[in-house]
Amino acid sequence: MYDLKTILLVEDNPHDVELTLEALAEHNLVNQVTSVNDGAEAMDYLNCEGKFENREKSNPAVILLDIKMPKMDGLEVLEAIRKDQHLKTIPVVMLTSSREEPDLKKCYELGVNAYVVKPVDFKDFIEAVKNIGIFWALLNEQPQCE
């Protein structure tokens, strides 16, 4: 049986969280989605700390990461992930409203796997999230965790 890994959604906008979850469910992606509200909470999840200390110690299939967030922004999270031996191979997709060239450039310098600007149109947003979910959570092959 195929082991479906969790998708980690790091997003502080409740409306965008709802739309993302709806898009994944609408297209029958059955991966569990864990949603956290900021970068600090994402790092707690990834490191099994705080309220996540008892979760199963496995890396998510993909991290959908916003850039502009409180406490710890997406760039700081991406940098911390890429510096950590146990986390650095997790695919990270920036799912953001930022079209700023410095953000795009910095993300790729830090090792992001993909950078997707959130479409304003609802149908386009749903389609973008569906495609991200299908590719990164189902089709992409990852090395085994150590």
C-alpha atoms as a PDB file:
ATOM      1  CA  MET A   1       0.000   0.000   0.000  1.00  0.00           C
ATOM      2  CA  TYR A   2       1.215   3.474  -0.874  1.00  0.00           C
ATOM      3  CA  ASP A   3       1.990   5.699   2.115  1.00  0.00           C
ATOM      4  CA  LEU A   4       0.460   9.146   1.585  1.00  0.00           C
ATOM      5  CA  LYS A   5       2.523  11.789   3.297  1.00  0.00           C
ATOM      6  CA  THR A   6       1.158  14.953   4.828  1.00  0.00           C
ATOM      7  CA  ILE A   7       1.094  18.269   3.015  1.00  0.00           C
ATOM      8  CA  LEU A   8       2.212  21.119   5.289  1.00  0.00           C
ATOM      9  CA  LEU A   9       0.417  24.379   4.508  1.00  0.00           C
ATOM     10  CA  VAL A  10       2.036  27.440   6.067  1.00  0.00           C
ATOM     11  CA  GLU A  11      -0.361  30.342   5.577  1.00  0.00           C
ATOM     12  CA  ASP A  12      -1.558  33.137   7.864  1.00  0.00           C
ATOM     13  CA  ASN A  13      -4.593  34.180   5.794  1.00  0.00           C
ATOM     14  CA  PRO A  14      -7.619  32.071   6.850  1.00  0.00           C
ATOM     15  CA  HIS A  15      -9.368  32.696   3.521  1.00  0.00           C
ATOM     16  CA  ASP A  16      -6.363  31.371   1.559  1.00  0.00           C
ATOM     17  CA  VAL A  17      -6.145  28.353   3.876  1.00  0.00           C
ATOM     18  CA  GLU A  18      -9.816  27.592   3.225  1.00  0.00           C
ATOM     19  CA  LEU A  19      -9.419  27.971  -0.549  1.00  0.00           C
ATOM     20  CA  THR A  20      -6.327  25.766  -0.599  1.00  0.00           C
ATOM     21  CA  LEU A  21      -7.980  23.024   1.435  1.00  0.00           C
ATOM     22  CA  GLU A  22     -11.066  23.220  -0.777  1.00  0.00           C
ATOM     23  CA  ALA A  23      -8.954  22.960  -3.936  1.00  0.00           C
ATOM     24  CA  LEU A  24      -7.102  19.888  -2.672  1.00  0.00           C
ATOM     25  CA  ALA A  25     -10.310  18.193  -1.527  1.00  0.00           C
ATOM     26  CA  GLU A  26     -12.186  19.037  -4.726  1.00  0.00           C
ATOM     27  CA  HIS A  27      -9.594  17.151  -6.724  1.00  0.00           C
ATOM     28  CA  ASN A  28      -9.616  14.113  -4.433  1.00  0.00           C
ATOM     29  CA  LEU A  29      -6.110  14.510  -3.059  1.00  0.00           C
ATOM     30  CA  VAL A  30      -6.444  12.398   0.044  1.00  0.00           C
ATOM     31  CA  ASN A  31      -3.179  13.422   1.653  1.00  0.00           C
ATOM     32  CA  GLN A  32      -3.691  14.804   5.126  1.00  0.00           C
ATOM     33  CA  VAL A  33      -3.102  18.561   5.144  1.00  0.00           C
ATOM     34  CA  THR A  34      -1.700  20.157   8.264  1.00  0.00           C
ATOM     35  CA  SER A  35      -2.173  23.919   8.314  1.00  0.00           C
ATOM     36  CA  VAL A  36      -0.116  26.248  10.491  1.00  0.00           C
ATOM     37  CA  ASN A  37      -0.448  30.029  10.784  1.00  0.00           C
ATOM     38  CA  ASP A  38       3.124  31.285  10.801  1.00  0.00           C
ATOM     39  CA  GLY A  39       6.738  30.316  10.259  1.00  0.00           C
ATOM     40  CA  ALA A  40       7.505  29.668  13.908  1.00  0.00           C
ATOM     41  CA  GLU A  41       4.643  27.170  14.105  1.00  0.00           C
ATOM     42  CA  ALA A  42       5.900  25.542  10.878  1.00  0.00           C
ATOM     43  CA  MET A  43       9.323  25.005  12.413  1.00  0.00           C
ATOM     44  CA  ASP A  44       7.713  23.546  15.552  1.00  0.00           C
ATOM     45  CA  TYR A  45       5.821  21.111  13.324  1.00  0.00           C
ATOM     46  CA  LEU A  46       8.899  20.136  11.315  1.00  0.00           C
ATOM     47  CA  ASN A  47      11.004  19.667  14.446  1.00  0.00           C
ATOM     48  CA  CYS A  48       8.242  17.915  16.443  1.00  0.00           C
ATOM     49  CA  GLU A  49       8.289  20.591  19.114  1.00  0.00           C
ATOM     50  CA  GLY A  50       5.679  22.506  21.101  1.00  0.00           C
ATOM     51  CA  LYS A  51       2.140  21.341  20.363  1.00  0.00           C
ATOM     52  CA  PHE A  52       3.562  18.975  17.715  1.00  0.00           C
ATOM     53  CA  GLU A  53       5.946  17.098  20.013  1.00  0.00           C
ATOM     54  CA  ASN A  54       3.825  13.934  19.848  1.00  0.00           C
ATOM     55  CA  ARG A  55       3.240  13.824  16.098  1.00  0.00           C
ATOM     56  CA  GLU A  56       4.663  11.026  13.970  1.00  0.00           C
ATOM     57  CA  LYS A  57       8.245  11.916  13.098  1.00  0.00           C
ATOM     58  CA  SER A  58       8.070  11.960   9.302  1.00  0.00           C
ATOM     59  CA  ASN A  59       8.652  14.755   6.836  1.00  0.00           C
ATOM     60  CA  PRO A  60       5.764  16.084   4.779  1.00  0.00           C
ATOM     61  CA  ALA A  61       5.471  15.322   1.057  1.00  0.00           C
ATOM     62  CA  VAL A  62       5.642  19.043   0.329  1.00  0.00           C
ATOM     63  CA  ILE A  63       5.520  22.361   2.151  1.00  0.00           C
ATOM     64  CA  LEU A  64       3.281  25.052   0.677  1.00  0.00           C
ATOM     65  CA  LEU A  65       4.807  28.196   2.127  1.00  0.00           C
ATOM     66  CA  ASP A  66       3.662  31.806   2.084  1.00  0.00           C
ATOM     67  CA  ILE A  67       6.299  34.553   2.262  1.00  0.00           C
ATOM     68  CA  LYS A  68       4.690  37.373   4.228  1.00  0.00           C
ATOM     69  CA  MET A  69       3.804  36.042   7.683  1.00  0.00           C
ATOM     70  CA  PRO A  70       4.130  37.112  11.319  1.00  0.00           C
ATOM     71  CA  LYS A  71       6.756  35.816  13.768  1.00  0.00           C
ATOM     72  CA  MET A  72       8.951  34.134  11.140  1.00  0.00           C
ATOM     73  CA  ASP A  73       8.446  34.845   7.455  1.00  0.00           C
ATOM     74  CA  GLY A  74       8.611  32.315   4.637  1.00  0.00           C
ATOM     75  CA  LEU A  75      12.142  33.281   3.628  1.00  0.00           C
ATOM     76  CA  GLU A  76      13.394  32.604   7.154  1.00  0.00           C
ATOM     77  CA  VAL A  77      11.560  29.258   7.211  1.00  0.00           C
ATOM     78  CA  LEU A  78      12.980  28.265   3.828  1.00  0.00           C
ATOM     79  CA  GLU A  79      16.489  29.173   4.946  1.00  0.00           C
ATOM     80  CA  ALA A  80      16.130  27.163   8.183  1.00  0.00           C
ATOM     81  CA  ILE A  81      14.805  24.140   6.272  1.00  0.00           C
ATOM     82  CA  ARG A  82      17.652  24.168   3.757  1.00  0.00           C
ATOM     83  CA  LYS A  83      20.256  24.391   6.549  1.00  0.00           C
ATOM     84  CA  ASP A  84      18.826  21.434   8.477  1.00  0.00           C
ATOM     85  CA  GLN A  85      20.227  18.013   7.545  1.00  0.00           C
ATOM     86  CA  HIS A  86      16.923  16.243   8.270  1.00  0.00           C
ATOM     87  CA  LEU A  87      14.681  18.752   6.490  1.00  0.00           C
ATOM     88  CA  LYS A  88      16.668  20.017   3.515  1.00  0.00           C
ATOM     89  CA  THR A  89      15.310  17.496   0.998  1.00  0.00           C
ATOM     90  CA  ILE A  90      11.642  18.369   1.622  1.00  0.00           C
ATOM     91  CA  PRO A  91      10.166  20.017  -1.471  1.00  0.00           C
ATOM     92  CA  VAL A  92       9.138  23.594  -0.731  1.00  0.00           C
ATOM     93  CA  VAL A  93       6.712  25.469  -2.958  1.00  0.00           C
ATOM     94  CA  MET A  94       6.263  29.159  -2.293  1.00  0.00           C
ATOM     95  CA  LEU A  95       2.539  29.834  -2.687  1.00  0.00           C
ATOM     96  CA  THR A  96       2.410  33.586  -2.340  1.00  0.00           C
ATOM     97  CA  SER A  97       0.795  36.758  -3.576  1.00  0.00           C
ATOM     98  CA  SER A  98       4.190  38.436  -3.911  1.00  0.00           C
ATOM     99  CA  ARG A  99       5.261  39.234  -7.453  1.00  0.00           C
ATOM    100  CA  GLU A 100       8.275  41.160  -6.155  1.00  0.00           C
ATOM    101  CA  GLU A 101      11.441  40.229  -8.050  1.00  0.00           C
ATOM    102  CA  PRO A 102      13.644  40.361  -4.897  1.00  0.00           C
ATOM    103  CA  ASP A 103      11.369  37.789  -3.210  1.00  0.00           C
ATOM    104  CA  LEU A 104      11.475  35.501  -6.241  1.00  0.00           C
ATOM    105  CA  LYS A 105      15.251  35.778  -6.544  1.00  0.00           C
ATOM    106  CA  LYS A 106      15.866  35.233  -2.822  1.00  0.00           C
ATOM    107  CA  CYS A 107      13.630  32.138  -2.761  1.00  0.00           C
ATOM    108  CA  TYR A 108      15.601  30.504  -5.557  1.00  0.00           C
ATOM    109  CA  GLU A 109      18.899  31.486  -3.939  1.00  0.00           C
ATOM    110  CA  LEU A 110      17.711  29.716  -0.788  1.00  0.00           C
ATOM    111  CA  GLY A 111      16.752  26.563  -2.689  1.00  0.00           C
ATOM    112  CA  VAL A 112      12.993  26.724  -3.240  1.00  0.00           C
ATOM    113  CA  ASN A 113      11.645  24.022  -5.560  1.00  0.00           C
ATOM    114  CA  ALA A 114       8.920  26.180  -7.119  1.00  0.00           C
ATOM    115  CA  TYR A 115       7.503  29.680  -6.835  1.00  0.00           C
ATOM    116  CA  VAL A 116       3.790  30.074  -7.569  1.00  0.00           C
ATOM    117  CA  VAL A 117       2.002  33.420  -7.408  1.00  0.00           C
ATOM    118  CA  LYS A 118      -1.528  32.966  -6.068  1.00  0.00           C
ATOM    119  CA  PRO A 119      -3.956  33.741  -8.879  1.00  0.00           C
ATOM    120  CA  VAL A 120      -6.604  36.329  -7.999  1.00  0.00           C
ATOM    121  CA  ASP A 121      -9.335  34.468  -9.886  1.00  0.00           C
ATOM    122  CA  PHE A 122     -10.959  31.710  -7.797  1.00  0.00           C
ATOM    123  CA  LYS A 123     -10.992  29.104 -10.590  1.00  0.00           C
ATOM    124  CA  ASP A 124      -7.359  29.818 -11.463  1.00  0.00           C
ATOM    125  CA  PHE A 125      -6.395  29.523  -7.784  1.00  0.00           C
ATOM    126  CA  ILE A 126      -8.167  26.159  -7.486  1.00  0.00           C
ATOM    127  CA  GLU A 127      -6.441  24.882 -10.637  1.00  0.00           C
ATOM    128  CA  ALA A 128      -3.001  26.056  -9.479  1.00  0.00           C
ATOM    129  CA  VAL A 129      -3.345  24.360  -6.081  1.00  0.00           C
ATOM    130  CA  LYS A 130      -4.650  21.169  -7.693  1.00  0.00           C
ATOM    131  CA  ASN A 131      -1.629  21.013  -9.986  1.00  0.00           C
ATOM    132  CA  ILE A 132       0.784  21.683  -7.129  1.00  0.00           C
ATOM    133  CA  GLY A 133      -0.843  18.980  -5.006  1.00  0.00           C
ATOM    134  CA  ILE A 134      -0.909  16.352  -7.729  1.00  0.00           C
ATOM    135  CA  PHE A 135       2.705  16.874  -8.728  1.00  0.00           C
ATOM    136  CA  TRP A 136       4.411  17.360  -5.368  1.00  0.00           C
ATOM    137  CA  ALA A 137       2.266  15.093  -3.180  1.00  0.00           C
ATOM    138  CA  LEU A 138       1.618  12.220  -5.617  1.00  0.00           C
ATOM    139  CA  LEU A 139       4.013  12.183  -8.565  1.00  0.00           C
ATOM    140  CA  ASN A 140       7.273  13.536  -7.157  1.00  0.00           C
ATOM    141  CA  GLU A 141       9.710  10.916  -5.845  1.00  0.00           C
ATOM    142  CA  GLN A 142      11.707  11.785  -2.733  1.00  0.00           C
ATOM    143  CA  PRO A 143      14.640  10.129  -0.994  1.00  0.00           C
ATOM    144  CA  GLN A 144      13.847   8.178   2.166  1.00  0.00           C
ATOM    145  CA  CYS A 145      14.169  10.077   5.447  1.00  0.00           C
ATOM    146  CA  GLU A 146      17.188   9.265   7.556  1.00  0.00           C
END
